[in-house]
Protein backbone atom coordinates (compact mmCIF):
# COMPACT_ATOMS: atom_id res chain seq x y z
CA MET A 1 -12.66 17.20 10.01
CA LYS A 2 -14.74 20.93 10.22
CA ARG A 3 -13.66 21.70 6.51
CA LEU A 4 -13.86 18.27 5.29
CA MET A 5 -17.33 18.08 5.50
CA LEU A 6 -17.98 21.06 3.01
CA PRO A 7 -16.54 19.17 0.56
CA MET A 8 -17.67 16.07 1.33
CA ALA A 9 -21.33 17.85 2.07
CA LEU A 10 -20.56 19.16 -2.18
CA ALA A 11 -19.29 15.85 -3.88
CA GLY A 12 -22.01 13.51 -2.35
CA ALA A 13 -25.03 16.45 -3.75
CA LEU A 14 -23.30 15.16 -7.12
CA ALA A 15 -22.99 11.99 -6.99
CA VAL A 16 -26.10 12.44 -6.14
CA GLY A 17 -26.92 14.06 -8.71
CA ALA A 18 -25.01 12.61 -11.60
CA CYS A 19 -27.15 9.20 -11.71
CA SER A 20 -30.39 10.91 -12.36
CA GLY A 21 -30.29 10.95 -16.10
CA MET A 22 -28.84 7.04 -15.86
CA SER A 23 -31.07 4.31 -17.27
CA ASP A 24 -31.88 1.51 -15.25
CA THR A 25 -29.30 -0.80 -16.09
CA GLN A 26 -26.47 1.99 -15.88
CA GLN A 27 -27.53 2.98 -12.01
CA ARG A 28 -28.21 -0.88 -11.09
CA THR A 29 -24.05 -1.26 -12.36
CA LEU A 30 -23.00 1.41 -10.54
CA SER A 31 -24.90 1.07 -7.08
CA GLY A 32 -24.03 -2.66 -7.64
CA GLY A 33 -20.28 -1.79 -8.06
CA GLY A 34 -20.33 1.33 -4.95
CA ILE A 35 -21.43 -1.26 -3.16
CA GLY A 36 -19.11 -4.03 -3.32
CA ALA A 37 -15.96 -1.40 -3.46
CA GLY A 38 -17.08 -0.91 -0.07
CA VAL A 39 -18.50 -4.35 1.00
CA GLY A 40 -15.31 -5.18 -0.53
CA ALA A 41 -13.09 -2.55 0.74
CA ALA A 42 -14.38 -3.02 4.78
CA ALA A 43 -13.33 -6.97 4.66
CA GLY A 44 -9.42 -6.18 3.57
CA ALA A 45 -9.30 -3.48 6.69
CA LEU A 46 -10.97 -6.55 8.75
CA THR A 47 -9.11 -9.25 7.63
CA GLY A 48 -5.97 -6.99 7.09
CA GLY A 49 -5.68 -7.36 3.88
CA CYS A 50 -5.74 -4.82 1.10
CA MET A 51 -7.67 -2.13 1.16
CA THR A 52 -7.69 -1.01 -1.50
CA CYS A 53 -7.30 -4.36 -3.76
CA GLY A 54 -9.99 -5.51 -1.60
CA ALA A 55 -12.65 -2.81 -2.69
CA VAL A 56 -11.72 -3.19 -6.34
CA ILE A 57 -12.15 -6.80 -6.27
CA GLY A 58 -15.45 -5.93 -4.89
CA GLY A 59 -17.18 -3.37 -6.48
CA ALA A 60 -15.18 -5.23 -9.81
CA ALA A 61 -18.63 -8.33 -8.82
CA GLY A 62 -21.13 -5.56 -7.38
CA ALA A 63 -21.14 -4.23 -10.32
CA ALA A 64 -21.10 -7.54 -12.74
CA GLY A 65 -23.94 -9.01 -9.65
CA GLY A 66 -25.62 -5.59 -10.56
CA TYR A 67 -25.82 -5.66 -14.52
CA ILE A 68 -26.91 -9.41 -13.87
CA TYR A 69 -29.94 -8.59 -11.56
CA ASP A 70 -30.68 -5.77 -14.29
CA GLN A 71 -30.89 -8.79 -16.93
CA THR A 72 -33.40 -11.07 -14.88
CA LYS A 73 -36.07 -8.10 -14.19
CA LYS A 74 -35.77 -7.56 -17.96
């Protein structure tokens, strides 16, 4: 587990830094997709279904929701 800590920390730092040059629409769409993928994977795991399928469907729904939210804010 200790061998995975450094790569995971570096990946997290890169992910946070990659969002700095994005527009509000891009940030909201990306964050919606990420949150949706996490919730979908968790729902798939809890129900005994396909975690990958849940992550893909949740990610798509979250990205769409983030985009729609951004458009209504404008």
